Protein backbone atom coordinates (compact mmCIF):
# COMPACT_ATOMS: atom_id res chain seq x y z
CA UNK A 1 -7.75 29.19 6.09
CA UNK A 2 -10.83 28.68 3.93
CA UNK A 3 -12.79 25.43 3.92
CA UNK A 4 -14.34 24.08 0.71
CA UNK A 5 -16.63 21.07 0.21
CA UNK A 6 -17.13 20.23 -3.48
CA UNK A 7 -19.94 17.87 -4.43
CA UNK A 8 -18.31 15.88 -7.22
CA UNK A 9 -14.93 14.58 -8.34
CA UNK A 10 -14.78 16.88 -11.35
CA UNK A 11 -15.67 19.89 -9.20
CA UNK A 12 -12.96 18.95 -6.69
CA UNK A 13 -10.31 18.60 -9.42
CA UNK A 14 -11.26 21.96 -10.93
CA UNK A 15 -11.22 23.64 -7.53
CA UNK A 16 -7.85 22.21 -6.49
CA UNK A 17 -6.41 23.17 -9.88
CA UNK A 18 -7.68 26.73 -9.57
CA UNK A 19 -6.46 27.14 -5.98
CA UNK A 20 -3.04 25.68 -6.80
CA UNK A 21 -0.38 24.62 -4.28
CA UNK A 22 -1.95 26.67 -1.48
CA UNK A 23 -4.83 24.14 -1.28
CA UNK A 24 -4.74 20.86 0.59
CA UNK A 25 -7.23 18.01 0.02
CA UNK A 26 -8.79 16.49 3.13
CA UNK A 27 -9.99 12.87 3.25
CA UNK A 28 -10.03 11.07 6.62
CA UNK A 29 -7.78 13.68 8.21
CA UNK A 30 -5.78 11.29 10.40
CA UNK A 31 -2.51 12.62 8.95
CA UNK A 32 -3.57 16.04 7.68
CA UNK A 33 -4.95 17.25 11.02
CA UNK A 34 -1.74 16.24 12.78
CA UNK A 35 0.29 18.19 10.21
CA UNK A 36 -1.94 21.24 10.66
CA UNK A 37 -1.60 21.18 14.44
CA UNK A 38 2.17 20.82 14.20
CA UNK A 39 2.38 23.60 11.65
CA UNK A 40 4.29 21.42 9.20
CA UNK A 41 1.58 22.26 6.64
CA UNK A 42 -0.05 25.68 6.45
CA UNK A 43 -2.47 25.72 3.50
CA UNK A 44 -4.68 28.70 2.77
CA UNK A 45 -7.45 26.40 1.54
CA UNK A 46 -8.69 23.04 2.83
CA UNK A 47 -10.73 21.06 0.29
CA UNK A 48 -12.87 18.29 1.79
CA UNK A 49 -13.43 15.16 -0.30
CA UNK A 50 -16.16 13.85 2.01
CA UNK A 51 -19.01 14.28 -0.52
CA UNK A 52 -17.25 12.59 -3.44
CA UNK A 53 -19.40 9.47 -3.62
CA UNK A 54 -17.47 8.31 -6.71
CA UNK A 55 -14.56 7.46 -4.39
CA UNK A 56 -16.45 5.46 -1.77
CA UNK A 57 -17.10 2.02 -3.25
CA UNK A 58 -15.51 -1.42 -3.36
CA UNK A 59 -16.34 -3.63 -6.33
CA UNK A 60 -15.15 -6.22 -8.81
CA UNK A 61 -15.00 -5.61 -12.57
CA UNK A 62 -13.65 -8.27 -14.93
CA UNK A 63 -12.04 -9.97 -11.95
CA UNK A 64 -10.24 -6.79 -10.84
CA UNK A 65 -10.78 -5.58 -7.29
CA UNK A 66 -11.46 -1.83 -7.42
CA UNK A 67 -11.17 0.14 -4.20
CA UNK A 68 -12.31 3.77 -3.98
CA UNK A 69 -9.88 6.23 -2.45
CA UNK A 70 -12.27 7.13 0.41
CA UNK A 71 -12.72 3.52 1.52
CA UNK A 72 -11.47 3.00 5.08
CA UNK A 73 -9.37 0.06 6.34
CA UNK A 74 -12.36 -0.96 8.47
CA UNK A 75 -14.51 -1.18 5.33
CA UNK A 76 -11.86 -3.34 3.66
CA UNK A 77 -12.06 -5.73 6.61
CA UNK A 78 -15.84 -6.06 6.24
CA UNK A 79 -16.01 -6.22 2.44
CA UNK A 80 -17.21 -9.46 0.89
CA UNK A 81 -15.36 -8.52 -2.32
CA UNK A 82 -12.08 -8.22 -0.42
CA UNK A 83 -12.66 -11.43 1.54
CA UNK A 84 -13.42 -13.30 -1.69
CA UNK A 85 -10.80 -11.85 -4.01
CA UNK A 86 -7.94 -10.51 -1.85
CA UNK A 87 -8.28 -11.64 1.78
CA UNK A 88 -4.53 -11.11 2.19
CA UNK A 89 -5.29 -7.38 2.54
CA UNK A 90 -6.41 -8.16 6.08
CA UNK A 91 -2.73 -8.72 6.93
CA UNK A 92 -2.26 -4.96 6.50
CA UNK A 93 -5.58 -3.68 7.86
CA UNK A 94 -5.10 -5.73 11.02
CA UNK A 95 -2.02 -3.70 12.00
CA UNK A 96 -3.31 -0.35 10.70
CA UNK A 97 -3.43 1.84 13.83
CA UNK A 98 -6.25 1.60 16.36
CA UNK A 99 -9.87 0.64 15.60
CA UNK A 100 -10.73 4.36 15.69
CA UNK A 101 -8.08 5.15 13.07
CA UNK A 102 -9.16 2.22 10.89
CA UNK A 103 -12.69 3.66 10.82
CA UNK A 104 -11.50 7.16 9.91
CA UNK A 105 -8.38 6.89 7.75
CA UNK A 106 -8.75 6.23 4.02
CA UNK A 107 -6.94 4.04 1.52
CA UNK A 108 -6.26 7.02 -0.75
CA UNK A 109 -5.08 9.20 2.11
CA UNK A 110 -2.68 6.52 3.30
CA UNK A 111 -1.11 6.25 -0.16
CA UNK A 112 -1.04 10.01 -0.80
CA UNK A 113 0.73 10.62 2.51
CA UNK A 114 3.55 8.57 0.95
CA UNK A 115 5.01 7.69 4.33
CA UNK A 116 7.48 4.86 4.06
CA UNK A 117 5.98 3.25 7.19
CA UNK A 118 2.46 2.96 5.73
CA UNK A 119 1.10 -0.59 5.94
CA UNK A 120 -1.16 -0.73 2.88
CA UNK A 121 1.36 0.41 0.28
CA UNK A 122 3.82 -2.53 0.45
CA UNK A 123 1.05 -5.10 0.08
CA UNK A 124 -0.57 -3.20 -2.79
CA UNK A 125 2.87 -3.04 -4.44
CA UNK A 126 3.35 -6.77 -3.97
CA UNK A 127 0.01 -7.30 -5.72
CA UNK A 128 1.20 -5.10 -8.60
CA UNK A 129 -1.72 -2.76 -7.94
CA UNK A 130 -2.30 0.38 -9.99
CA UNK A 131 -3.87 3.69 -9.03
CA UNK A 132 -6.19 5.92 -11.03
CA UNK A 133 -5.28 9.62 -10.89
CA UNK A 134 -8.01 12.02 -11.96
CA UNK A 135 -7.26 15.56 -13.12
CA UNK A 136 -9.15 18.52 -14.61
CA UNK A 137 -8.43 17.33 -18.15
CA UNK A 138 -7.66 13.62 -18.07
CA UNK A 139 -7.12 10.54 -15.92
CA UNK A 140 -3.97 8.46 -15.65
CA UNK A 141 -3.28 4.88 -14.62
CA UNK A 142 -0.03 4.48 -12.68
CA UNK A 143 1.84 1.76 -10.87
CA UNK A 144 2.59 2.56 -7.25
CA UNK A 145 6.29 2.62 -8.08
CA UNK A 146 5.58 5.50 -10.47
CA UNK A 147 3.11 7.14 -8.09
CA UNK A 148 5.52 7.61 -5.20
CA UNK A 149 8.10 10.37 -5.62
CA UNK A 150 10.28 10.86 -2.55
CA UNK A 151 9.64 10.67 1.18
CA UNK A 152 6.09 11.97 1.75
CA UNK A 153 5.86 13.09 -1.87
CA UNK A 154 3.86 11.71 -4.79
CA UNK A 155 3.66 12.72 -8.44
CA UNK A 156 0.26 14.36 -7.86
CA UNK A 157 0.05 17.93 -9.15
CA UNK A 158 -2.47 20.62 -8.12
CA UNK A 159 -5.88 19.53 -9.33
CA UNK A 160 -5.07 15.82 -9.39
CA UNK A 161 -6.75 13.34 -7.04
CA UNK A 162 -6.09 9.65 -6.49
CA UNK A 163 -9.54 8.17 -7.10
CA UNK A 164 -9.14 4.40 -7.10
CA UNK A 165 -6.81 1.46 -6.45
CA UNK A 166 -7.04 -1.47 -8.87
CA UNK A 167 -5.78 -4.93 -7.94
CA UNK A 168 -5.41 -7.50 -10.73
CA UNK A 169 -7.63 -10.60 -10.89
CA UNK A 170 -6.67 -13.53 -8.71
CA UNK A 171 -5.18 -16.49 -10.57
CA UNK A 172 -4.54 -20.11 -9.52
CA UNK A 173 -1.28 -20.85 -7.76
CA UNK A 174 -0.73 -17.44 -6.19
CA UNK A 175 -0.44 -16.23 -2.64
CA UNK A 176 0.55 -13.06 -0.82
CA UNK A 177 1.32 -11.98 2.72
CA UNK A 178 2.45 -9.00 4.79
CA UNK A 179 4.54 -9.18 7.93
CA UNK A 180 5.45 -6.23 10.12
CA UNK A 181 7.35 -5.30 13.27
CA UNK A 182 6.37 -2.46 15.61
CA UNK A 183 7.25 -1.41 19.13
CA UNK A 184 3.82 -1.85 20.74
CA UNK A 185 1.01 -4.35 20.40
CA UNK A 186 -1.47 -1.69 19.18
CA UNK A 187 -1.26 1.70 17.49
CA UNK A 188 2.41 1.27 16.68
CA UNK A 189 4.25 2.95 13.85
CA UNK A 190 5.88 0.32 11.69
CA UNK A 191 9.62 -0.12 12.26
CA UNK A 192 9.96 -2.48 9.30
CA UNK A 193 7.54 -4.34 7.05
CA UNK A 194 7.70 -6.81 4.18
CA UNK A 195 5.05 -7.89 1.66
CA UNK A 196 5.48 -10.88 -0.63
CA UNK A 197 3.61 -12.21 -3.66
CA UNK A 198 4.32 -15.60 -5.26
CA UNK A 199 2.80 -17.46 -8.18
CA UNK A 200 3.68 -21.16 -8.40
CA UNK A 201 3.51 -23.33 -11.51
CA UNK A 202 4.80 -26.90 -11.79
CA UNK A 203 6.56 -26.74 -8.44
CA UNK A 204 8.54 -23.64 -9.38
CA UNK A 205 8.17 -19.92 -8.85
CA UNK A 206 6.69 -18.38 -12.01
CA UNK A 207 6.34 -14.86 -10.64
CA UNK A 208 7.48 -13.02 -7.51
CA UNK A 209 7.16 -9.55 -6.04
CA UNK A 210 8.68 -8.35 -2.79
CA UNK A 211 8.00 -4.90 -1.30
CA UNK A 212 9.44 -3.30 1.82
CA UNK A 213 8.13 -0.58 4.11
CA UNK A 214 9.85 1.76 6.58
CA UNK A 215 13.36 0.96 5.33
CA UNK A 216 13.71 3.50 2.47
CA UNK A 217 12.35 6.99 1.70
CA UNK A 218 9.26 5.37 0.15
CA UNK A 219 7.87 1.81 0.04
CA UNK A 220 10.08 -0.06 -2.45
CA UNK A 221 10.22 -3.22 -4.52
CA UNK A 222 13.34 -5.39 -4.37
CA UNK A 223 13.93 -6.37 -8.00
CA UNK A 224 17.08 -8.44 -7.43
CA UNK A 225 15.36 -10.59 -4.81
CA UNK A 226 12.35 -11.07 -7.07
CA UNK A 227 14.57 -12.19 -9.96
CA UNK A 228 16.34 -14.65 -7.69
CA UNK A 229 13.05 -16.30 -6.75
CA UNK A 230 11.70 -16.78 -10.28
CA UNK A 231 12.56 -20.28 -11.53
CA UNK A 232 13.52 -21.55 -8.08
CA UNK A 233 11.78 -24.39 -6.26
CA UNK A 234 11.10 -22.02 -3.34
CA UNK A 235 12.92 -24.21 -0.85
CA UNK A 236 13.35 -22.76 2.60
CA UNK A 237 17.03 -22.16 1.80
CA UNK A 238 15.93 -20.12 -1.23
CA UNK A 239 13.62 -18.00 0.93
CA UNK A 240 16.23 -17.39 3.62
CA UNK A 241 18.82 -16.37 1.03
CA UNK A 242 16.41 -13.94 -0.59
CA UNK A 243 15.51 -12.50 2.81
CA UNK A 244 19.15 -11.80 3.56
CA UNK A 245 19.69 -10.15 0.19
CA UNK A 246 16.59 -7.98 0.68
CA UNK A 247 17.93 -6.79 4.02
CA UNK A 248 21.24 -5.86 2.43
CA UNK A 249 19.45 -4.03 -0.41
CA UNK A 250 17.38 -1.88 1.98
CA UNK A 251 18.46 1.64 2.92
CA UNK A 252 16.96 2.36 6.35
CA UNK A 253 17.79 5.25 8.64
CA UNK A 254 18.45 5.26 12.37
CA UNK A 255 15.84 7.05 14.47
CA UNK A 256 14.09 6.83 17.81
CA UNK A 257 12.28 3.63 16.74
CA UNK A 258 15.35 1.64 15.72
CA UNK A 259 18.81 1.70 14.22
CA UNK A 260 19.54 1.13 10.54
CA UNK A 261 21.36 -2.09 11.44
CA UNK A 262 18.38 -3.34 13.45
CA UNK A 263 16.02 -2.58 10.57
CA UNK A 264 18.18 -4.47 8.07
CA UNK A 265 18.08 -7.51 10.33
CA UNK A 266 14.33 -7.17 10.73
CA UNK A 267 13.83 -6.92 6.95
CA UNK A 268 15.59 -10.23 6.39
CA UNK A 269 13.46 -12.04 8.97
CA UNK A 270 10.19 -10.39 7.92
CA UNK A 271 10.80 -11.20 4.25
CA UNK A 272 11.29 -14.86 5.08
CA UNK A 273 8.10 -14.92 7.17
CA UNK A 274 6.09 -13.17 4.46
CA UNK A 275 7.46 -15.47 1.74
CA UNK A 276 6.73 -18.59 3.76
CA UNK A 277 3.15 -17.48 4.38
CA UNK A 278 2.66 -16.46 0.72
CA UNK A 279 3.94 -19.89 -0.36
CA UNK A 280 1.57 -21.67 2.04
CA UNK A 281 -1.33 -19.70 0.61
CA UNK A 282 -0.23 -20.34 -2.98
CA UNK A 283 0.25 -24.10 -2.76
CA UNK A 284 -3.39 -25.18 -2.17
CA UNK A 285 -4.60 -23.37 -5.30
CA UNK A 286 -1.57 -24.60 -7.26
CA UNK A 287 -2.37 -28.20 -6.33
CA UNK A 288 -6.02 -27.66 -7.23
CA UNK A 289 -5.00 -26.32 -10.64
CA UNK A 290 -2.74 -29.36 -11.27
CA UNK A 291 -5.75 -31.66 -10.85
């Protein structure tokens, strides 16, 4: 296996395009190195992204939070931009592996792994975040729903790199939350997770997004549950009913971490908890706007 270390994003895209499917990009390595040791991936070329400084920043442009693909969960936790504009992201970083993993893994790597149990993806989906995909000839802006293909597969082609995650500007009356269940207090792999986003106007739900993790081949949005919330008064009965419908709409598998039936039950409860927290976070800014 040959190791390459390009010095710029354009050089990396050109190199990955030239090497084709036998090349594997390397960011934090927390997933890639495990795959290499297991033999589940056997690339002939390993292309390090460590020197791509274009992918390492966190900033705000026109109210949008822009997160470089090489940013780590630990950097998200310490970022003033995140704490000011999207502090709800700490719901996901707080359950993201061990402190060592949070300092090594990357936002882009987590999304490109496309594991259904990833903790960042559901919350980014609930925010309606988009990703920038750079290629040798052009860049594309995609929703996460369009970015994920199947289990552990994305739409990335040889030569394409996820460079940035963009989260829309914060508006009055909105709140988001992520709730998760795992088998151990630390370093657990998520058994089920739910992320919720609500925007409240005039005492009613004006916009809702609900995303689930670890209960389908990829992180997924639950459109029917979202539609049921819009226009409602967001009473606790409304939230419980939506939670139950989200559980029924999920398609989990049974494995060593839990049965499909157990996961469906967890989804319902986690959705309700995430929705309640999102509503609590939305109401203070909604009241402030009404003044």
